Amino acid sequence: MKNIEMQVNGDVLTVTVDLSQRHGKSGSGKNEIVASTEGNQSIPGRDVIKIGVNVYTKAE
């Protein structure tokens, strides 16, 4: 994962992303990646629950 932290408290999932970070351009080159799970990932401690997140901005 790039720039994504997950924390589970009881039944609440908290996802943290630092919006100031950049991790290069997307495959198409149209967007700049801020954060990504890089596909679907298991939630910590809940292997049957998955998450897939992409956070991006328009490339300059």
Protein backbone atom coordinates (compact mmCIF):
# COMPACT_ATOMS: atom_id res chain seq x y z
CA MET A 1 0.00 0.00 0.00
CA LYS A 2 1.07 3.56 -0.61
CA ASN A 3 0.30 6.26 1.98
CA ILE A 4 -2.69 4.49 3.58
CA GLU A 5 -3.00 3.49 7.21
CA MET A 6 -5.95 1.46 8.51
CA GLN A 7 -7.05 1.02 12.10
CA VAL A 8 -9.99 -0.96 13.47
CA ASN A 9 -11.60 0.01 16.78
CA GLY A 10 -14.49 -2.33 17.53
CA ASP A 11 -16.58 -2.27 14.37
CA VAL A 12 -15.22 1.05 13.07
CA LEU A 13 -12.54 1.21 10.37
CA THR A 14 -10.50 4.41 10.19
CA VAL A 15 -8.49 5.08 7.03
CA THR A 16 -5.76 7.74 7.17
CA VAL A 17 -4.19 9.35 4.09
CA ASP A 18 -1.59 12.14 4.06
CA LEU A 19 -2.94 14.41 1.31
CA SER A 20 0.40 16.22 0.95
CA GLN A 21 2.16 13.14 -0.48
CA ARG A 22 2.52 12.25 -4.17
CA HIS A 23 3.59 8.85 -5.51
CA GLY A 24 4.03 9.39 -9.23
CA LYS A 25 1.67 9.35 -12.16
CA SER A 26 -1.03 6.79 -12.81
CA GLY A 27 -0.68 4.23 -15.58
CA SER A 28 -2.50 6.52 -18.01
CA GLY A 29 -0.40 9.52 -16.97
CA LYS A 30 -3.51 11.65 -16.51
CA ASN A 31 -3.48 11.60 -12.70
CA GLU A 32 -0.98 11.86 -9.86
CA ILE A 33 -1.32 9.18 -7.16
CA VAL A 34 -1.80 10.46 -3.60
CA ALA A 35 -2.55 7.07 -2.01
CA SER A 36 -3.52 3.56 -3.06
CA THR A 37 -4.19 0.16 -1.58
CA GLU A 38 -2.81 -1.17 -4.90
CA GLY A 39 -5.76 -3.49 -5.35
CA ASN A 40 -8.08 -5.02 -2.79
CA GLN A 41 -6.59 -5.65 0.65
CA SER A 42 -7.88 -7.36 3.79
CA ILE A 43 -8.95 -5.21 6.72
CA PRO A 44 -6.61 -5.76 9.72
CA GLY A 45 -8.04 -8.55 11.86
CA ARG A 46 -10.97 -9.07 9.47
CA ASP A 47 -9.58 -11.19 6.62
CA VAL A 48 -12.98 -11.75 5.00
CA ILE A 49 -13.59 -7.99 4.59
CA LYS A 50 -11.71 -6.25 1.77
CA ILE A 51 -10.99 -2.63 0.88
CA GLY A 52 -9.84 -1.01 -2.34
CA VAL A 53 -8.95 2.70 -2.32
CA ASN A 54 -7.37 5.06 -4.83
CA VAL A 55 -6.80 8.72 -3.98
CA TYR A 56 -5.53 10.91 -6.80
CA THR A 57 -5.35 14.40 -8.27
CA LYS A 58 -5.17 15.61 -11.83
CA ALA A 59 -1.60 15.54 -13.12
CA GLU A 60 0.01 18.88 -13.92
